[in-house]
Amino acid sequence: MAPRPNQYGATLNEFLTSPAGRSLAYARTDGDGPGIVFLGGFKSDMSGTKALFLQDWAKANGRAFLRFDYSGHGKSSGAFTDGCIGDWAEDAMAVLDELTAGPQVLVGSSMGGWIALLVARARPARVHGIVGVAAAPDFTEDSMWPQLTPAQQQQVLQTGQTTLPNDYDDQPYILTRRLFEDGKTRLVLRDPLPLPFRVRLLQGTNDEAVDVSVPLRLMAHADCPDMELRLLKDVDHRFSTPHCLQLIAAAIDDVSASAPAIA
């Protein structure tokens, strides 16, 4: 897939072979810490508006920055339909381990917010803080599966997949049985979720994909000493207007000013 035209940044990709043998495309900007790692959304790639804006912002502010494509996304290897939440969390931990040094600020967009929480649970000492942008923890179980009709749910169980319309692309989402079954094993809103660092959540009230109840539930559930939620009236799931982008940058600054994560 060719990178989408965008007003921010250039696309210069390198590749990392993960411990699982997947080839992961990434673009890295050197700078000071804490570094910033952008975790994209479901079927998104690293050439989106938020990722490229933050790359330019990080470069202008002398900050280390990393964006990458999960396997089956963008320029990384594999088919999207072969992947699942666990694979993509493994991809995120691979780039964190191999391509960054020291605690990082994780910026998770939509599904990336769930990935950020999984990374934080597995690598707490590597996380300086989290910025969640329309974060969607546990969405396969709590949102996507209930959204399917009984006939679609049966189709997943019998044939291994079904489809849903995609509001952001001409191609529909192909949802697999493996996606749902793996998602059940990666849930973060059922068991204890210690987040011993600063967390900032940004959410639009007109988000058609992630209900406002989701960040509220995350706030109520997580064991976090410093978590804040900012709701923006009439903002949708893309969260990519110039004002929204500046709010993401401000949240990164806020999180970066905190003390490092507790090991």
Protein backbone atom coordinates (compact mmCIF):
# COMPACT_ATOMS: atom_id res chain seq x y z
CA MET A 1 0.00 0.00 0.00
CA ALA A 2 1.49 3.39 -0.97
CA PRO A 3 1.66 6.04 1.76
CA ARG A 4 -1.28 8.43 1.67
CA PRO A 5 -0.51 12.05 0.65
CA ASN A 6 -0.12 14.15 3.77
CA GLN A 7 0.95 17.67 4.64
CA TYR A 8 3.21 16.46 7.44
CA GLY A 9 6.64 14.88 7.18
CA ALA A 10 8.30 12.51 4.76
CA THR A 11 8.06 8.72 4.67
CA LEU A 12 11.45 7.01 4.93
CA ASN A 13 11.00 3.42 6.06
CA GLU A 14 13.39 0.93 7.60
CA PHE A 15 12.56 -2.63 8.64
CA LEU A 16 13.00 -4.64 11.82
CA THR A 17 12.66 -8.42 11.96
CA SER A 18 10.78 -9.21 15.15
CA PRO A 19 11.47 -12.24 17.39
CA ALA A 20 8.36 -13.79 15.79
CA GLY A 21 9.96 -13.38 12.35
CA ARG A 22 7.71 -10.57 11.17
CA SER A 23 9.19 -7.72 9.09
CA LEU A 24 8.04 -4.45 10.67
CA ALA A 25 8.33 -1.17 8.80
CA TYR A 26 9.30 1.82 10.93
CA ALA A 27 10.55 5.39 10.78
CA ARG A 28 12.64 6.78 13.62
CA THR A 29 13.72 10.31 14.51
CA ASP A 30 16.64 10.79 16.89
CA GLY A 31 16.34 13.18 19.80
CA ASP A 32 16.18 13.57 23.54
CA GLY A 33 14.06 11.53 25.92
CA PRO A 34 11.70 10.50 27.08
CA GLY A 35 11.14 9.19 23.58
CA ILE A 36 7.72 9.00 21.96
CA VAL A 37 6.28 5.86 20.35
CA PHE A 38 3.13 6.20 18.24
CA LEU A 39 0.79 3.20 18.28
CA GLY A 40 -1.74 3.35 15.46
CA GLY A 41 -5.26 2.06 15.16
CA PHE A 42 -7.02 -0.97 13.69
CA LYS A 43 -6.10 -1.32 9.99
CA SER A 44 -4.31 2.05 10.09
CA ASP A 45 -0.72 2.67 9.06
CA MET A 46 2.09 4.93 10.15
CA SER A 47 1.54 7.46 7.35
CA GLY A 48 -1.61 8.86 8.96
CA THR A 49 -2.08 12.49 9.93
CA LYS A 50 -1.47 12.05 13.66
CA ALA A 51 1.71 9.99 13.22
CA LEU A 52 3.30 12.36 10.74
CA PHE A 53 2.27 15.48 12.64
CA LEU A 54 3.83 14.09 15.79
CA GLN A 55 7.00 13.14 13.92
CA ASP A 56 7.41 16.73 12.76
CA TRP A 57 6.49 18.08 16.19
CA ALA A 58 9.01 15.78 17.89
CA LYS A 59 11.73 16.78 15.44
CA ALA A 60 11.03 20.48 16.01
CA ASN A 61 11.25 19.94 19.76
CA GLY A 62 14.35 17.74 19.72
CA ARG A 63 12.47 14.65 20.89
CA ALA A 64 13.13 11.04 19.92
CA PHE A 65 10.17 9.63 17.99
CA LEU A 66 9.21 6.26 16.53
CA ARG A 67 6.27 5.23 14.35
CA PHE A 68 5.79 1.81 12.82
CA ASP A 69 3.34 -0.51 11.07
CA TYR A 70 1.98 -3.56 12.86
CA SER A 71 2.26 -6.79 10.88
CA GLY A 72 -0.44 -6.93 8.23
CA HIS A 73 -0.61 -3.13 8.21
CA GLY A 74 1.00 -0.62 5.85
CA LYS A 75 4.41 -1.76 4.62
CA SER A 76 4.99 -4.48 7.22
CA SER A 77 4.86 -8.15 6.29
CA GLY A 78 1.88 -10.44 6.59
CA ALA A 79 -1.81 -10.30 5.82
CA PHE A 80 -4.13 -8.21 7.97
CA THR A 81 -6.54 -11.13 8.25
CA ASP A 82 -3.83 -13.33 9.77
CA GLY A 83 -3.21 -10.93 12.64
CA CYS A 84 -4.77 -10.35 16.04
CA ILE A 85 -4.38 -8.12 19.10
CA GLY A 86 -1.72 -10.37 20.60
CA ASP A 87 0.40 -10.28 17.44
CA TRP A 88 0.20 -6.51 17.23
CA ALA A 89 1.07 -6.10 20.91
CA GLU A 90 4.10 -8.35 20.29
CA ASP A 91 5.05 -6.12 17.37
CA ALA A 92 4.85 -3.04 19.59
CA MET A 93 7.03 -4.65 22.24
CA ALA A 94 9.55 -5.72 19.60
CA VAL A 95 10.05 -2.18 18.33
CA LEU A 96 10.09 -0.85 21.89
CA ASP A 97 12.79 -3.34 22.89
CA GLU A 98 14.95 -3.08 19.78
CA LEU A 99 14.56 0.50 18.59
CA THR A 100 14.21 2.63 21.73
CA ALA A 101 16.20 3.25 24.90
CA GLY A 102 14.86 4.22 28.29
CA PRO A 103 11.25 4.89 29.31
CA GLN A 104 8.98 6.00 26.47
CA VAL A 105 5.78 8.01 26.18
CA LEU A 106 3.28 5.73 24.41
CA VAL A 107 0.73 7.57 22.26
CA GLY A 108 -2.05 5.10 21.49
CA SER A 109 -4.70 5.97 18.92
CA SER A 110 -7.92 3.90 19.06
CA MET A 111 -6.74 0.26 19.07
CA GLY A 112 -3.29 1.67 19.84
CA GLY A 113 -4.65 2.70 23.23
CA TRP A 114 -5.36 -0.96 24.00
CA ILE A 115 -1.91 -1.93 22.69
CA ALA A 116 -0.33 0.74 24.92
CA LEU A 117 -2.02 -0.76 27.99
CA LEU A 118 -0.82 -4.25 27.06
CA VAL A 119 2.72 -2.95 26.62
CA ALA A 120 2.49 -1.14 29.95
CA ARG A 121 1.35 -4.34 31.65
CA ALA A 122 4.24 -6.33 30.14
CA ARG A 123 6.96 -3.65 30.25
CA PRO A 124 6.08 -1.19 33.06
CA ALA A 125 9.66 -0.01 33.51
CA ARG A 126 9.84 0.98 29.81
CA VAL A 127 6.81 3.28 30.00
CA HIS A 128 7.22 6.89 31.09
CA GLY A 129 3.54 7.67 30.50
CA ILE A 130 0.60 7.14 28.16
CA VAL A 131 -1.46 9.46 25.98
CA GLY A 132 -4.62 7.75 24.79
CA VAL A 133 -6.42 9.28 21.79
CA ALA A 134 -9.91 7.79 21.48
CA ALA A 135 -8.41 4.76 23.20
CA ALA A 136 -10.34 1.53 22.60
CA PRO A 137 -9.32 -1.14 25.15
CA ASP A 138 -11.11 -4.48 24.83
CA PHE A 139 -13.03 -3.33 21.74
CA THR A 140 -13.21 -6.75 20.05
CA GLU A 141 -15.10 -8.13 23.03
CA ASP A 142 -17.08 -5.11 24.24
CA SER A 143 -17.90 -3.27 21.02
CA MET A 144 -17.13 -5.17 17.83
CA TRP A 145 -18.60 -8.57 18.70
CA PRO A 146 -21.87 -7.12 20.08
CA GLN A 147 -22.12 -4.97 16.94
CA LEU A 148 -22.39 -8.09 14.78
CA THR A 149 -25.80 -9.51 14.04
CA PRO A 150 -26.54 -13.05 15.26
CA ALA A 151 -26.11 -14.21 11.66
CA GLN A 152 -22.68 -12.57 11.43
CA GLN A 153 -21.61 -14.05 14.77
CA GLN A 154 -22.64 -17.47 13.50
CA GLN A 155 -20.72 -16.86 10.29
CA VAL A 156 -17.56 -16.10 12.30
CA LEU A 157 -17.96 -19.31 14.28
CA GLN A 158 -18.74 -21.50 11.28
CA THR A 159 -16.61 -20.05 8.47
CA GLY A 160 -13.93 -18.20 10.43
CA GLN A 161 -14.75 -14.66 9.33
CA THR A 162 -17.31 -12.00 8.47
CA THR A 163 -17.21 -8.42 7.17
CA LEU A 164 -18.21 -4.99 8.44
CA PRO A 165 -18.38 -1.68 6.55
CA ASN A 166 -15.32 0.52 6.95
CA ASP A 167 -16.04 4.23 7.35
CA TYR A 168 -12.40 5.13 6.65
CA ASP A 169 -11.68 3.02 3.56
CA ASP A 170 -13.47 1.58 0.52
CA GLN A 171 -12.52 -1.93 1.63
CA PRO A 172 -14.67 -3.49 4.39
CA TYR A 173 -13.18 -4.84 7.57
CA ILE A 174 -12.67 -8.60 7.45
CA LEU A 175 -13.10 -9.82 11.01
CA THR A 176 -11.77 -13.26 11.86
CA ARG A 177 -12.54 -15.82 14.50
CA ARG A 178 -8.90 -15.64 15.58
CA LEU A 179 -9.23 -11.87 16.15
CA PHE A 180 -12.14 -12.39 18.54
CA GLU A 181 -10.75 -15.47 20.28
CA ASP A 182 -7.34 -13.88 20.83
CA GLY A 183 -8.97 -10.62 21.95
CA LYS A 184 -10.65 -12.50 24.81
CA THR A 185 -7.20 -13.40 26.16
CA ARG A 186 -5.88 -9.80 25.99
CA LEU A 187 -8.58 -7.94 27.93
CA VAL A 188 -7.34 -5.21 30.27
CA LEU A 189 -10.56 -3.96 31.87
CA ARG A 190 -11.34 -7.12 33.85
CA ASP A 191 -8.18 -7.81 35.86
CA PRO A 192 -6.09 -5.36 37.91
CA LEU A 193 -4.42 -2.74 35.71
CA PRO A 194 -1.61 -0.89 37.51
CA LEU A 195 -0.42 2.19 35.61
CA PRO A 196 2.27 3.72 37.86
CA PHE A 197 2.82 6.82 35.71
CA ARG A 198 0.93 9.79 34.29
CA VAL A 199 -1.89 9.00 31.82
CA ARG A 200 -3.81 11.51 29.70
CA LEU A 201 -6.91 10.49 27.74
CA LEU A 202 -8.40 12.55 24.90
CA GLN A 203 -11.88 11.77 23.63
CA GLY A 204 -14.41 13.38 21.29
CA THR A 205 -18.09 13.42 22.21
CA ASN A 206 -19.05 12.68 18.58
CA ASP A 207 -16.79 9.63 18.31
CA GLU A 208 -18.78 7.09 16.30
CA ALA A 209 -16.38 4.22 17.05
CA VAL A 210 -15.51 4.64 20.75
CA ASP A 211 -18.26 5.64 23.16
CA VAL A 212 -17.50 8.18 25.88
CA SER A 213 -18.24 5.44 28.40
CA VAL A 214 -15.02 3.64 27.39
CA PRO A 215 -12.48 6.18 28.78
CA LEU A 216 -14.70 6.64 31.83
CA ARG A 217 -14.61 2.90 32.43
CA LEU A 218 -10.84 2.88 31.99
CA MET A 219 -10.47 5.69 34.53
CA ALA A 220 -12.64 3.86 37.05
CA HIS A 221 -10.80 0.57 36.54
CA ALA A 222 -7.11 1.47 36.33
CA ASP A 223 -4.89 1.83 39.38
CA CYS A 224 -3.22 5.07 38.33
CA PRO A 225 -2.04 7.91 40.57
CA ASP A 226 -2.36 10.60 37.90
CA MET A 227 -4.95 10.03 35.17
CA GLU A 228 -6.98 12.74 33.45
CA LEU A 229 -9.64 12.66 30.72
CA ARG A 230 -10.35 15.58 28.40
CA LEU A 231 -13.63 15.50 26.46
CA LEU A 232 -13.96 17.60 23.32
CA LYS A 233 -17.44 18.58 22.21
CA ASP A 234 -18.44 17.55 18.66
CA VAL A 235 -15.04 15.93 17.87
CA ASP A 236 -15.16 12.59 16.01
CA HIS A 237 -12.99 9.48 16.07
CA ARG A 238 -10.34 10.81 13.69
CA PHE A 239 -9.20 13.43 16.22
CA SER A 240 -7.05 14.99 13.50
CA THR A 241 -8.06 18.65 13.19
CA PRO A 242 -5.23 21.15 13.79
CA HIS A 243 -6.68 21.91 17.23
CA CYS A 244 -6.87 18.22 18.13
CA LEU A 245 -3.31 17.62 16.97
CA GLN A 246 -2.06 20.45 19.17
CA LEU A 247 -3.93 18.94 22.12
CA ILE A 248 -2.16 15.62 21.56
CA ALA A 249 1.20 17.42 21.55
CA ALA A 250 0.27 19.29 24.73
CA ALA A 251 -0.70 16.01 26.40
CA ILE A 252 2.68 14.53 25.46
CA ASP A 253 4.39 17.54 27.02
CA ASP A 254 2.29 17.11 30.16
CA VAL A 255 3.08 13.40 30.46
CA SER A 256 6.76 13.99 29.68
CA ALA A 257 7.12 16.42 32.58
CA SER A 258 6.22 13.73 35.12
CA ALA A 259 8.64 11.53 37.02
CA PRO A 260 9.79 8.32 35.28
CA ALA A 261 7.76 5.14 35.64
CA ILE A 262 8.18 3.11 38.81
CA ALA A 263 10.12 -0.07 38.07
